[in-house]
Amino acid sequence: MSDADRKFEIQRDIDPMAIPKRVAFIAPRVSAQVKSRDEEMVMTFPELILRGLIVMEALVILLALTSLFFDAPLEWIADPNHTPSPAKAPWYFLGIQELLHYFPPVVAGVLIPILVIIALIVIPYFQINIKGEGLWQKDRKRTFIFLTSAAFLICILNAAFKAWAIVIPTLSVYGLSLVPLFSRSSGNAVEWVRRRSLTEWIMLWFVIVVAVLTAVGTFFRGPEWRWTWPWIDGIY
Protein backbone atom coordinates (compact mmCIF):
# COMPACT_ATOMS: atom_id res chain seq x y z
CA MET A 1 0.00 0.00 0.00
CA SER A 2 1.46 3.36 -1.02
CA ASP A 3 1.67 6.41 1.22
CA ALA A 4 -1.14 8.05 -0.76
CA ASP A 5 -3.54 5.20 0.10
CA ARG A 6 -2.81 5.31 3.79
CA LYS A 7 -5.29 7.03 6.08
CA PHE A 8 -4.31 8.56 9.34
CA GLU A 9 -6.77 9.12 12.14
CA ILE A 10 -6.43 10.91 15.41
CA GLN A 11 -6.42 8.47 18.30
CA ARG A 12 -8.79 9.44 21.08
CA ASP A 13 -9.04 7.76 24.43
CA ILE A 14 -9.72 8.71 28.01
CA ASP A 15 -6.70 6.69 29.15
CA PRO A 16 -3.52 8.67 28.35
CA MET A 17 -1.38 5.60 29.03
CA ALA A 18 -3.06 3.67 26.23
CA ILE A 19 -2.23 6.17 23.50
CA PRO A 20 1.34 6.15 22.19
CA LYS A 21 2.94 9.52 22.38
CA ARG A 22 5.31 10.69 19.69
CA VAL A 23 7.13 13.93 20.45
CA ALA A 24 9.54 15.40 17.95
CA PHE A 25 11.91 18.20 18.84
CA ILE A 26 12.82 20.21 15.79
CA ALA A 27 15.75 22.55 16.25
CA PRO A 28 15.71 25.68 14.08
CA ARG A 29 18.39 25.90 11.44
CA VAL A 30 20.63 28.74 12.51
CA SER A 31 23.62 28.24 10.25
CA ALA A 32 24.25 30.96 7.71
CA GLN A 33 22.68 30.22 4.34
CA VAL A 34 25.26 31.01 1.70
CA LYS A 35 24.51 30.54 -1.97
CA SER A 36 26.95 28.15 -3.54
CA ARG A 37 28.92 29.28 -6.54
CA ASP A 38 30.57 27.18 -9.21
CA GLU A 39 34.28 27.55 -8.59
CA GLU A 40 37.26 25.72 -9.94
CA MET A 41 38.58 23.12 -7.50
CA VAL A 42 42.30 22.53 -7.03
CA MET A 43 44.29 20.04 -4.99
CA THR A 44 45.82 21.08 -1.68
CA PHE A 45 49.11 19.61 -2.80
CA PRO A 46 50.91 20.95 -4.72
CA GLU A 47 48.77 24.07 -5.37
CA LEU A 48 48.42 25.33 -1.78
CA ILE A 49 51.43 23.75 -0.08
CA LEU A 50 53.94 25.05 -2.62
CA ARG A 51 52.54 28.57 -2.41
CA GLY A 52 52.80 28.46 1.38
CA LEU A 53 56.44 27.30 1.19
CA ILE A 54 57.29 30.09 -1.25
CA VAL A 55 55.76 32.72 1.05
CA MET A 56 57.58 31.27 4.06
CA GLU A 57 60.94 31.30 2.25
CA ALA A 58 60.35 34.88 1.07
CA LEU A 59 59.58 35.92 4.66
CA VAL A 60 62.77 34.26 5.96
CA ILE A 61 64.83 36.03 3.28
CA LEU A 62 63.20 39.37 4.12
CA LEU A 63 63.91 38.94 7.84
CA ALA A 64 67.53 37.96 7.09
CA LEU A 65 68.07 41.02 4.88
CA THR A 66 66.46 43.26 7.49
CA SER A 67 68.79 41.95 10.20
CA LEU A 68 71.82 42.48 7.95
CA PHE A 69 71.15 46.08 6.90
CA PHE A 70 69.26 47.53 9.89
CA ASP A 71 70.78 47.76 13.34
CA ALA A 72 68.65 46.80 16.33
CA PRO A 73 70.83 47.24 19.42
CA LEU A 74 69.74 45.97 22.80
CA GLU A 75 68.89 48.42 25.54
CA TRP A 76 70.75 48.69 28.83
CA ILE A 77 70.52 46.08 31.55
CA ALA A 78 67.22 46.19 33.42
CA ASP A 79 67.39 48.37 36.50
CA PRO A 80 64.54 48.14 39.05
CA ASN A 81 65.48 51.60 40.34
CA HIS A 82 65.07 53.21 36.94
CA THR A 83 61.89 52.96 34.89
CA PRO A 84 62.31 54.03 31.26
CA SER A 85 59.94 56.61 29.83
CA PRO A 86 57.86 55.51 28.11
CA ALA A 87 57.57 52.00 29.51
CA LYS A 88 55.65 50.32 26.73
CA ALA A 89 53.98 46.93 26.88
CA PRO A 90 54.51 44.38 24.08
CA TRP A 91 52.84 45.47 20.85
CA TYR A 92 49.92 43.06 21.30
CA PHE A 93 49.05 44.78 24.61
CA LEU A 94 49.67 48.35 23.45
CA GLY A 95 45.99 48.73 22.56
CA ILE A 96 45.04 48.14 26.19
CA GLN A 97 47.83 50.45 27.35
CA GLU A 98 46.51 53.13 25.03
CA LEU A 99 43.06 52.66 26.56
CA LEU A 100 44.60 53.30 29.97
CA HIS A 101 45.56 56.74 28.71
CA TYR A 102 41.91 57.59 28.09
CA PHE A 103 39.90 55.67 30.69
CA PRO A 104 40.30 54.85 34.40
CA PRO A 105 42.41 51.72 35.05
CA VAL A 106 39.44 49.59 36.14
CA VAL A 107 37.55 50.44 32.94
CA ALA A 108 40.46 50.06 30.50
CA GLY A 109 42.26 47.14 32.15
CA VAL A 110 39.35 45.07 33.44
CA LEU A 111 35.89 46.10 32.28
CA ILE A 112 36.52 46.67 28.55
CA PRO A 113 38.60 43.47 27.99
CA ILE A 114 36.00 41.39 29.84
CA LEU A 115 33.16 42.92 27.80
CA VAL A 116 35.05 42.27 24.56
CA ILE A 117 35.68 38.63 25.48
CA ILE A 118 32.03 38.14 26.48
CA ALA A 119 30.87 39.77 23.24
CA LEU A 120 33.13 37.53 21.12
CA ILE A 121 31.69 34.49 22.91
CA VAL A 122 28.02 35.52 22.90
CA ILE A 123 27.57 37.25 19.51
CA PRO A 124 27.86 34.03 17.43
CA TYR A 125 24.85 32.62 19.29
CA PHE A 126 22.57 35.49 18.35
CA GLN A 127 20.43 34.92 15.28
CA ILE A 128 21.88 37.88 13.42
CA ASN A 129 21.50 37.78 9.67
CA ILE A 130 21.12 34.01 9.38
CA LYS A 131 20.68 34.16 5.62
CA GLY A 132 23.91 36.08 5.09
CA GLU A 133 22.16 39.06 3.50
CA GLY A 134 23.57 42.54 3.13
CA LEU A 135 23.07 45.10 5.87
CA TRP A 136 20.55 47.15 3.87
CA GLN A 137 18.55 44.31 2.31
CA LYS A 138 15.64 44.57 4.75
CA ASP A 139 13.93 47.42 6.61
CA ARG A 140 16.37 50.19 5.67
CA LYS A 141 14.74 52.80 7.90
CA ARG A 142 14.97 50.66 11.02
CA THR A 143 18.55 49.64 10.19
CA PHE A 144 19.55 53.27 9.63
CA ILE A 145 18.07 54.37 12.98
CA PHE A 146 19.71 51.49 14.87
CA LEU A 147 23.10 51.94 13.18
CA THR A 148 23.14 55.72 13.60
CA SER A 149 22.11 55.51 17.26
CA ALA A 150 24.78 52.91 18.06
CA ALA A 151 27.53 54.81 16.21
CA PHE A 152 26.77 58.17 17.80
CA LEU A 153 26.37 56.64 21.26
CA ILE A 154 29.83 55.07 20.96
CA CYS A 155 31.26 58.35 19.67
CA ILE A 156 29.69 60.49 22.40
CA LEU A 157 30.85 58.20 25.22
CA ASN A 158 34.41 58.03 23.88
CA ALA A 159 34.54 61.73 23.02
CA ALA A 160 33.73 62.49 26.66
CA PHE A 161 37.06 60.80 27.53
CA LYS A 162 38.80 62.30 24.45
CA ALA A 163 39.36 58.82 23.03
CA TRP A 164 39.70 60.03 19.45
CA ALA A 165 41.48 56.82 18.45
CA ILE A 166 38.10 55.12 18.86
CA VAL A 167 35.86 57.95 17.65
CA ILE A 168 37.56 58.41 14.28
CA PRO A 169 37.50 54.69 13.24
CA THR A 170 33.89 54.44 14.40
CA LEU A 171 32.81 57.38 12.22
CA SER A 172 34.86 56.02 9.31
CA VAL A 173 33.24 52.58 9.42
CA TYR A 174 29.83 54.18 9.91
CA GLY A 175 30.32 56.38 6.84
CA LEU A 176 31.55 53.45 4.78
CA SER A 177 28.50 51.39 5.77
CA LEU A 178 26.22 54.16 4.45
CA VAL A 179 27.72 54.02 0.94
CA PRO A 180 25.32 51.31 -0.32
CA LEU A 181 22.34 53.20 1.12
CA PHE A 182 22.93 56.50 -0.69
CA SER A 183 25.00 55.42 -3.68
CA ARG A 184 23.24 54.52 -6.92
CA SER A 185 26.39 53.19 -8.53
CA SER A 186 26.50 49.55 -9.58
CA GLY A 187 30.27 49.18 -9.66
CA ASN A 188 32.06 46.15 -8.30
CA ALA A 189 33.35 47.99 -5.22
CA VAL A 190 29.91 49.29 -4.26
CA GLU A 191 28.31 45.90 -4.86
CA TRP A 192 30.93 44.23 -2.68
CA VAL A 193 30.24 46.71 0.14
CA ARG A 194 26.48 46.26 -0.34
CA ARG A 195 26.76 42.49 0.25
CA ARG A 196 28.48 42.86 3.64
CA SER A 197 26.33 41.67 6.54
CA LEU A 198 25.92 43.18 10.00
CA THR A 199 28.33 40.72 11.58
CA GLU A 200 30.99 41.61 9.02
CA TRP A 201 30.59 45.32 9.74
CA ILE A 202 30.90 44.71 13.49
CA MET A 203 34.05 42.65 12.95
CA LEU A 204 35.51 45.30 10.63
CA TRP A 205 34.91 48.02 13.25
CA PHE A 206 36.49 45.91 15.99
CA VAL A 207 39.60 45.09 13.93
CA ILE A 208 40.13 48.70 12.82
CA VAL A 209 39.75 50.07 16.35
CA VAL A 210 42.27 47.54 17.72
CA ALA A 211 44.69 48.28 14.86
CA VAL A 212 44.45 52.06 15.38
CA LEU A 213 44.95 51.82 19.15
CA THR A 214 47.97 49.55 18.64
CA ALA A 215 49.46 51.83 15.95
CA VAL A 216 49.01 54.95 18.10
CA GLY A 217 50.63 53.30 21.10
CA THR A 218 53.52 52.00 18.99
CA PHE A 219 54.43 54.97 16.81
CA PHE A 220 52.87 58.10 18.30
CA ARG A 221 53.60 57.87 22.02
CA GLY A 222 56.79 59.19 23.57
CA PRO A 223 58.09 60.13 27.03
CA GLU A 224 55.36 60.40 29.66
CA TRP A 225 53.01 59.01 27.03
CA ARG A 226 52.83 62.31 25.21
CA TRP A 227 51.87 62.54 21.55
CA THR A 228 54.89 62.55 19.24
CA TRP A 229 55.43 62.44 15.48
CA PRO A 230 57.61 59.43 14.57
CA TRP A 231 59.15 61.15 11.51
CA ILE A 232 60.24 64.10 13.68
CA ASP A 233 60.93 62.71 17.16
CA GLY A 234 61.56 59.09 16.23
CA ILE A 235 59.91 55.94 17.59
CA TYR A 236 60.21 55.34 21.33
C-alpha atoms as a PDB file:
ATOM      1  CA  MET A   1       0.000   0.000   0.000  1.00  0.00           C
ATOM      2  CA  SER A   2       1.458   3.359  -1.020  1.00  0.00           C
ATOM      3  CA  ASP A   3       1.667   6.410   1.220  1.00  0.00           C
ATOM      4  CA  ALA A   4      -1.136   8.053  -0.762  1.00  0.00           C
ATOM      5  CA  ASP A   5      -3.538   5.200   0.100  1.00  0.00           C
ATOM      6  CA  ARG A   6      -2.811   5.314   3.790  1.00  0.00           C
ATOM      7  CA  LYS A   7      -5.290   7.028   6.085  1.00  0.00           C
ATOM      8  CA  PHE A   8      -4.313   8.558   9.340  1.00  0.00           C
ATOM      9  CA  GLU A   9      -6.769   9.125  12.137  1.00  0.00           C
ATOM     10  CA  ILE A  10      -6.430  10.913  15.407  1.00  0.00           C
ATOM     11  CA  GLN A  11      -6.422   8.469  18.299  1.00  0.00           C
ATOM     12  CA  ARG A  12      -8.788   9.442  21.083  1.00  0.00           C
ATOM     13  CA  ASP A  13      -9.036   7.758  24.434  1.00  0.00           C
ATOM     14  CA  ILE A  14      -9.715   8.710  28.007  1.00  0.00           C
ATOM     15  CA  ASP A  15      -6.704   6.692  29.150  1.00  0.00           C
ATOM     16  CA  PRO A  16      -3.521   8.672  28.346  1.00  0.00           C
ATOM     17  CA  MET A  17      -1.380   5.599  29.030  1.00  0.00           C
ATOM     18  CA  ALA A  18      -3.064   3.670  26.229  1.00  0.00           C
ATOM     19  CA  ILE A  19      -2.227   6.166  23.505  1.00  0.00           C
ATOM     20  CA  PRO A  20       1.343   6.149  22.194  1.00  0.00           C
ATOM     21  CA  LYS A  21       2.940   9.524  22.379  1.00  0.00           C
ATOM     22  CA  ARG A  22       5.306  10.695  19.689  1.00  0.00           C
ATOM     23  CA  VAL A  23       7.131  13.929  20.447  1.00  0.00           C
ATOM     24  CA  ALA A  24       9.544  15.396  17.954  1.00  0.00           C
ATOM     25  CA  PHE A  25      11.915  18.195  18.844  1.00  0.00           C
ATOM     26  CA  ILE A  26      12.823  20.214  15.785  1.00  0.00           C
ATOM     27  CA  ALA A  27      15.750  22.555  16.250  1.00  0.00           C
ATOM     28  CA  PRO A  28      15.712  25.676  14.080  1.00  0.00           C
ATOM     29  CA  ARG A  29      18.385  25.895  11.442  1.00  0.00           C
ATOM     30  CA  VAL A  30      20.632  28.740  12.505  1.00  0.00           C
ATOM     31  CA  SER A  31      23.618  28.238  10.249  1.00  0.00           C
ATOM     32  CA  ALA A  32      24.246  30.964   7.705  1.00  0.00           C
ATOM     33  CA  GLN A  33      22.675  30.215   4.336  1.00  0.00           C
ATOM     34  CA  VAL A  34      25.261  31.005   1.696  1.00  0.00           C
ATOM     35  CA  LYS A  35      24.515  30.539  -1.974  1.00  0.00           C
ATOM     36  CA  SER A  36      26.948  28.147  -3.538  1.00  0.00           C
ATOM     37  CA  ARG A  37      28.921  29.282  -6.536  1.00  0.00           C
ATOM     38  CA  ASP A  38      30.567  27.184  -9.208  1.00  0.00           C
ATOM     39  CA  GLU A  39      34.281  27.553  -8.587  1.00  0.00           C
ATOM     40  CA  GLU A  40      37.256  25.715  -9.940  1.00  0.00           C
ATOM     41  CA  MET A  41      38.581  23.121  -7.501  1.00  0.00           C
ATOM     42  CA  VAL A  42      42.301  22.530  -7.034  1.00  0.00           C
ATOM     43  CA  MET A  43      44.292  20.041  -4.986  1.00  0.00           C
ATOM     44  CA  THR A  44      45.817  21.079  -1.675  1.00  0.00           C
ATOM     45  CA  PHE A  45      49.112  19.613  -2.796  1.00  0.00           C
ATOM     46  CA  PRO A  46      50.908  20.951  -4.716  1.00  0.00           C
ATOM     47  CA  GLU A  47      48.768  24.074  -5.369  1.00  0.00           C
ATOM     48  CA  LEU A  48      48.420  25.331  -1.780  1.00  0.00           C
ATOM     49  CA  ILE A  49      51.429  23.746  -0.084  1.00  0.00           C
ATOM     50  CA  LEU A  50      53.944  25.049  -2.623  1.00  0.00           C
ATOM     51  CA  ARG A  51      52.540  28.573  -2.406  1.00  0.00           C
ATOM     52  CA  GLY A  52      52.799  28.455   1.376  1.00  0.00           C
ATOM     53  CA  LEU A  53      56.438  27.296   1.190  1.00  0.00           C
ATOM     54  CA  ILE A  54      57.291  30.091  -1.251  1.00  0.00           C
ATOM     55  CA  VAL A  55      55.755  32.718   1.049  1.00  0.00           C
ATOM     56  CA  MET A  56      57.581  31.268   4.065  1.00  0.00           C
ATOM     57  CA  GLU A  57      60.937  31.303   2.245  1.00  0.00           C
ATOM     58  CA  ALA A  58      60.347  34.877   1.069  1.00  0.00           C
ATOM     59  CA  LEU A  59      59.580  35.916   4.661  1.00  0.00           C
ATOM     60  CA  VAL A  60      62.770  34.261   5.957  1.00  0.00           C
ATOM     61  CA  ILE A  61      64.831  36.027   3.281  1.00  0.00           C
ATOM     62  CA  LEU A  62      63.198  39.368   4.125  1.00  0.00           C
ATOM     63  CA  LEU A  63      63.915  38.939   7.844  1.00  0.00           C
ATOM     64  CA  ALA A  64      67.528  37.958   7.094  1.00  0.00           C
ATOM     65  CA  LEU A  65      68.068  41.022   4.885  1.00  0.00           C
ATOM     66  CA  THR A  66      66.465  43.261   7.491  1.00  0.00           C
ATOM     67  CA  SER A  67      68.795  41.948  10.204  1.00  0.00           C
ATOM     68  CA  LEU A  68      71.818  42.484   7.951  1.00  0.00           C
ATOM     69  CA  PHE A  69      71.149  46.076   6.901  1.00  0.00           C
ATOM     70  CA  PHE A  70      69.264  47.528   9.889  1.00  0.00           C
ATOM     71  CA  ASP A  71      70.782  47.762  13.345  1.00  0.00           C
ATOM     72  CA  ALA A  72      68.653  46.800  16.329  1.00  0.00           C
ATOM     73  CA  PRO A  73      70.826  47.243  19.424  1.00  0.00           C
ATOM     74  CA  LEU A  74      69.738  45.974  22.798  1.00  0.00           C
ATOM     75  CA  GLU A  75      68.888  48.422  25.543  1.00  0.00           C
ATOM     76  CA  TRP A  76      70.751  48.686  28.826  1.00  0.00           C
ATOM     77  CA  ILE A  77      70.520  46.084  31.549  1.00  0.00           C
ATOM     78  CA  ALA A  78      67.222  46.193  33.419  1.00  0.00           C
ATOM     79  CA  ASP A  79      67.385  48.365  36.499  1.00  0.00           C
ATOM     80  CA  PRO A  80      64.537  48.136  39.048  1.00  0.00           C
ATOM     81  CA  ASN A  81      65.480  51.603  40.337  1.00  0.00           C
ATOM     82  CA  HIS A  82      65.065  53.207  36.942  1.00  0.00           C
ATOM     83  CA  THR A  83      61.890  52.960  34.889  1.00  0.00           C
ATOM     84  CA  PRO A  84      62.306  54.026  31.262  1.00  0.00           C
ATOM     85  CA  SER A  85      59.942  56.608  29.834  1.00  0.00           C
ATOM     86  CA  PRO A  86      57.856  55.515  28.107  1.00  0.00           C
ATOM     87  CA  ALA A  87      57.570  52.000  29.512  1.00  0.00           C
ATOM     88  CA  LYS A  88      55.649  50.317  26.728  1.00  0.00           C
ATOM     89  CA  ALA A  89      53.980  46.932  26.880  1.00  0.00           C
ATOM     90  CA  PRO A  90      54.511  44.376  24.077  1.00  0.00           C
ATOM     91  CA  TRP A  91      52.838  45.467  20.851  1.00  0.00           C
ATOM     92  CA  TYR A  92      49.921  43.064  21.297  1.00  0.00           C
ATOM     93  CA  PHE A  93      49.046  44.779  24.608  1.00  0.00           C
ATOM     94  CA  LEU A  94      49.669  48.349  23.446  1.00  0.00           C
ATOM     95  CA  GLY A  95      45.989  48.735  22.558  1.00  0.00           C
ATOM     96  CA  ILE A  96      45.041  48.138  26.189  1.00  0.00           C
ATOM     97  CA  GLN A  97      47.835  50.451  27.354  1.00  0.00           C
ATOM     98  CA  GLU A  98      46.506  53.135  25.030  1.00  0.00           C
ATOM     99  CA  LEU A  99      43.058  52.664  26.556  1.00  0.00           C
ATOM    100  CA  LEU A 100      44.605  53.298  29.967  1.00  0.00           C
ATOM    101  CA  HIS A 101      45.561  56.740  28.714  1.00  0.00           C
ATOM    102  CA  TYR A 102      41.906  57.590  28.088  1.00  0.00           C
ATOM    103  CA  PHE A 103      39.899  55.672  30.692  1.00  0.00           C
ATOM    104  CA  PRO A 104      40.304  54.848  34.404  1.00  0.00           C
ATOM    105  CA  PRO A 105      42.407  51.720  35.046  1.00  0.00           C
ATOM    106  CA  VAL A 106      39.441  49.593  36.138  1.00  0.00           C
ATOM    107  CA  VAL A 107      37.550  50.444  32.942  1.00  0.00           C
ATOM    108  CA  ALA A 108      40.461  50.057  30.499  1.00  0.00           C
ATOM    109  CA  GLY A 109      42.259  47.145  32.150  1.00  0.00           C
ATOM    110  CA  VAL A 110      39.353  45.068  33.445  1.00  0.00           C
ATOM    111  CA  LEU A 111      35.893  46.098  32.279  1.00  0.00           C
ATOM    112  CA  ILE A 112      36.519  46.674  28.552  1.00  0.00           C
ATOM    113  CA  PRO A 113      38.595  43.469  27.991  1.00  0.00           C
ATOM    114  CA  ILE A 114      35.999  41.390  29.836  1.00  0.00           C
ATOM    115  CA  LEU A 115      33.156  42.916  27.801  1.00  0.00           C
ATOM    116  CA  VAL A 116      35.049  42.273  24.558  1.00  0.00           C
ATOM    117  CA  ILE A 117      35.679  38.632  25.478  1.00  0.00           C
ATOM    118  CA  ILE A 118      32.031  38.142  26.481  1.00  0.00           C
ATOM    119  CA  ALA A 119      30.870  39.767  23.236  1.00  0.00           C
ATOM    120  CA  LEU A 120      33.128  37.530  21.117  1.00  0.00           C
ATOM    121  CA  ILE A 121      31.693  34.494  22.908  1.00  0.00           C
ATOM    122  CA  VAL A 122      28.021  35.518  22.904  1.00  0.00           C
ATOM    123  CA  ILE A 123      27.573  37.248  19.514  1.00  0.00           C
ATOM    124  CA  PRO A 124      27.857  34.033  17.427  1.00  0.00           C
ATOM    125  CA  TYR A 125      24.849  32.617  19.293  1.00  0.00           C
ATOM    126  CA  PHE A 126      22.567  35.494  18.349  1.00  0.00           C
ATOM    127  CA  GLN A 127      20.427  34.925  15.282  1.00  0.00           C
ATOM    128  CA  ILE A 128      21.882  37.884  13.421  1.00  0.00           C
ATOM    129  CA  ASN A 129      21.502  37.779   9.668  1.00  0.00           C
ATOM    130  CA  ILE A 130      21.117  34.012   9.383  1.00  0.00           C
ATOM    131  CA  LYS A 131      20.678  34.160   5.616  1.00  0.00           C
ATOM    132  CA  GLY A 132      23.906  36.079   5.088  1.00  0.00           C
ATOM    133  CA  GLU A 133      22.161  39.056   3.501  1.00  0.00           C
ATOM    134  CA  GLY A 134      23.565  42.545   3.134  1.00  0.00           C
ATOM    135  CA  LEU A 135      23.071  45.101   5.872  1.00  0.00           C
ATOM    136  CA  TRP A 136      20.547  47.152   3.868  1.00  0.00           C
ATOM    137  CA  GLN A 137      18.552  44.311   2.314  1.00  0.00           C
ATOM    138  CA  LYS A 138      15.637  44.566   4.754  1.00  0.00           C
ATOM    139  CA  ASP A 139      13.932  47.424   6.611  1.00  0.00           C
ATOM    140  CA  ARG A 140      16.367  50.187   5.671  1.00  0.00           C
ATOM    141  CA  LYS A 141      14.735  52.796   7.899  1.00  0.00           C
ATOM    142  CA  ARG A 142      14.968  50.663  11.024  1.00  0.00           C
ATOM    143  CA  THR A 143      18.545  49.641  10.188  1.00  0.00           C
ATOM    144  CA  PHE A 144      19.547  53.267   9.632  1.00  0.00           C
ATOM    145  CA  ILE A 145      18.066  54.369  12.984  1.00  0.00           C
ATOM    146  CA  PHE A 146      19.715  51.491  14.871  1.00  0.00           C
ATOM    147  CA  LEU A 147      23.105  51.939  13.185  1.00  0.00           C
ATOM    148  CA  THR A 148      23.138  55.718  13.601  1.00  0.00           C
ATOM    149  CA  SER A 149      22.108  55.512  17.256  1.00  0.00           C
ATOM    150  CA  ALA A 150      24.779  52.912  18.055  1.00  0.00           C
ATOM    151  CA  ALA A 151      27.526  54.806  16.210  1.00  0.00           C
ATOM    152  CA  PHE A 152      26.767  58.167  17.799  1.00  0.00           C
ATOM    153  CA  LEU A 153      26.367  56.639  21.261  1.00  0.00           C
ATOM    154  CA  ILE A 154      29.826  55.075  20.962  1.00  0.00           C
ATOM    155  CA  CYS A 155      31.264  58.350  19.669  1.00  0.00           C
ATOM    156  CA  ILE A 156      29.685  60.495  22.403  1.00  0.00           C
ATOM    157  CA  LEU A 157      30.850  58.195  25.215  1.00  0.00           C
ATOM    158  CA  ASN A 158      34.412  58.035  23.877  1.00  0.00           C
ATOM    159  CA  ALA A 159      34.544  61.727  23.019  1.00  0.00           C
ATOM    160  CA  ALA A 160      33.733  62.490  26.659  1.00  0.00           C
ATOM    161  CA  PHE A 161      37.063  60.804  27.532  1.00  0.00           C
ATOM    162  CA  LYS A 162      38.802  62.296  24.449  1.00  0.00           C
ATOM    163  CA  ALA A 163      39.361  58.822  23.035  1.00  0.00           C
ATOM    164  CA  TRP A 164      39.698  60.029  19.452  1.00  0.00           C
ATOM    165  CA  ALA A 165      41.484  56.823  18.452  1.00  0.00           C
ATOM    166  CA  ILE A 166      38.098  55.121  18.856  1.00  0.00           C
ATOM    167  CA  VAL A 167      35.856  57.947  17.653  1.00  0.00           C
ATOM    168  CA  ILE A 168      37.557  58.410  14.280  1.00  0.00           C
ATOM    169  CA  PRO A 169      37.504  54.695  13.244  1.00  0.00           C
ATOM    170  CA  THR A 170      33.887  54.442  14.396  1.00  0.00           C
ATOM    171  CA  LEU A 171      32.811  57.381  12.221  1.00  0.00           C
ATOM    172  CA  SER A 172      34.864  56.016   9.309  1.00  0.00           C
ATOM    173  CA  VAL A 173      33.239  52.575   9.417  1.00  0.00           C
ATOM    174  CA  TYR A 174      29.830  54.183   9.908  1.00  0.00           C
ATOM    175  CA  GLY A 175      30.322  56.382   6.845  1.00  0.00           C
ATOM    176  CA  LEU A 176      31.548  53.447   4.776  1.00  0.00           C
ATOM    177  CA  SER A 177      28.498  51.388   5.766  1.00  0.00           C
ATOM    178  CA  LEU A 178      26.221  54.162   4.446  1.00  0.00           C
ATOM    179  CA  VAL A 179      27.716  54.018   0.944  1.00  0.00           C
ATOM    180  CA  PRO A 180      25.319  51.307  -0.324  1.00  0.00           C
ATOM    181  CA  LEU A 181      22.344  53.205   1.123  1.00  0.00           C
ATOM    182  CA  PHE A 182      22.935  56.499  -0.690  1.00  0.00           C
ATOM    183  CA  SER A 183      25.005  55.420  -3.680  1.00  0.00           C
ATOM    184  CA  ARG A 184      23.244  54.520  -6.917  1.00  0.00           C
ATOM    185  CA  SER A 185      26.390  53.191  -8.532  1.00  0.00           C
ATOM    186  CA  SER A 186      26.502  49.547  -9.577  1.00  0.00           C
ATOM    187  CA  GLY A 187      30.270  49.182  -9.659  1.00  0.00           C
ATOM    188  CA  ASN A 188      32.056  46.145  -8.300  1.00  0.00           C
ATOM    189  CA  ALA A 189      33.347  47.988  -5.219  1.00  0.00           C
ATOM    190  CA  VAL A 190      29.905  49.291  -4.259  1.00  0.00           C
ATOM    191  CA  GLU A 191      28.311  45.896  -4.863  1.00  0.00           C
ATOM    192  CA  TRP A 192      30.932  44.232  -2.679  1.00  0.00           C
ATOM    193  CA  VAL A 193      30.238  46.711   0.138  1.00  0.00           C
ATOM    194  CA  ARG A 194      26.485  46.259  -0.340  1.00  0.00           C
ATOM    195  CA  ARG A 195      26.763  42.488   0.248  1.00  0.00           C
ATOM    196  CA  ARG A 196      28.475  42.862   3.638  1.00  0.00           C
ATOM    197  CA  SER A 197      26.331  41.674   6.535  1.00  0.00           C
ATOM    198  CA  LEU A 198      25.915  43.179   9.996  1.00  0.00           C
ATOM    199  CA  THR A 199      28.335  40.718  11.582  1.00  0.00           C
ATOM    200  CA  GLU A 200      30.992  41.612   9.023  1.00  0.00           C
ATOM    201  CA  TRP A 201      30.587  45.323   9.739  1.00  0.00           C
ATOM    202  CA  ILE A 202      30.899  44.705  13.489  1.00  0.00           C
ATOM    203  CA  MET A 203      34.050  42.649  12.955  1.00  0.00           C
ATOM    204  CA  LEU A 204      35.512  45.298  10.634  1.00  0.00           C
ATOM    205  CA  TRP A 205      34.909  48.015  13.248  1.00  0.00           C
ATOM    206  CA  PHE A 206      36.491  45.909  15.993  1.00  0.00           C
ATOM    207  CA  VAL A 207      39.605  45.087  13.930  1.00  0.00           C
ATOM    208  CA  ILE A 208      40.126  48.702  12.815  1.00  0.00           C
ATOM    209  CA  VAL A 209      39.748  50.070  16.354  1.00  0.00           C
ATOM    210  CA  VAL A 210      42.271  47.537  17.718  1.00  0.00           C
ATOM    211  CA  ALA A 211      44.692  48.285  14.862  1.00  0.00           C
ATOM    212  CA  VAL A 212      44.447  52.063  15.378  1.00  0.00           C
ATOM    213  CA  LEU A 213      44.947  51.818  19.149  1.00  0.00           C
ATOM    214  CA  THR A 214      47.972  49.554  18.638  1.00  0.00           C
ATOM    215  CA  ALA A 215      49.455  51.830  15.947  1.00  0.00           C
ATOM    216  CA  VAL A 216      49.008  54.948  18.095  1.00  0.00           C
ATOM    217  CA  GLY A 217      50.631  53.304  21.098  1.00  0.00           C
ATOM    218  CA  THR A 218      53.522  52.002  18.985  1.00  0.00           C
ATOM    219  CA  PHE A 219      54.426  54.966  16.810  1.00  0.00           C
ATOM    220  CA  PHE A 220      52.868  58.101  18.296  1.00  0.00           C
ATOM    221  CA  ARG A 221      53.598  57.866  22.016  1.00  0.00           C
ATOM    222  CA  GLY A 222      56.786  59.188  23.570  1.00  0.00           C
ATOM    223  CA  PRO A 223      58.089  60.133  27.029  1.00  0.00           C
ATOM    224  CA  GLU A 224      55.364  60.397  29.661  1.00  0.00           C
ATOM    225  CA  TRP A 225      53.005  59.006  27.031  1.00  0.00           C
ATOM    226  CA  ARG A 226      52.826  62.315  25.207  1.00  0.00           C
ATOM    227  CA  TRP A 227      51.866  62.537  21.552  1.00  0.00           C
ATOM    228  CA  THR A 228      54.894  62.547  19.239  1.00  0.00           C
ATOM    229  CA  TRP A 229      55.431  62.440  15.485  1.00  0.00           C
ATOM    230  CA  PRO A 230      57.613  59.431  14.570  1.00  0.00           C
ATOM    231  CA  TRP A 231      59.154  61.146  11.506  1.00  0.00           C
ATOM    232  CA  ILE A 232      60.241  64.101  13.682  1.00  0.00           C
ATOM    233  CA  ASP A 233      60.934  62.712  17.162  1.00  0.00           C
ATOM    234  CA  GLY A 234      61.561  59.088  16.235  1.00  0.00           C
ATOM    235  CA  ILE A 235      59.909  55.941  17.589  1.00  0.00           C
ATOM    236  CA  TYR A 236      60.213  55.338  21.325  1.00  0.00           C
END
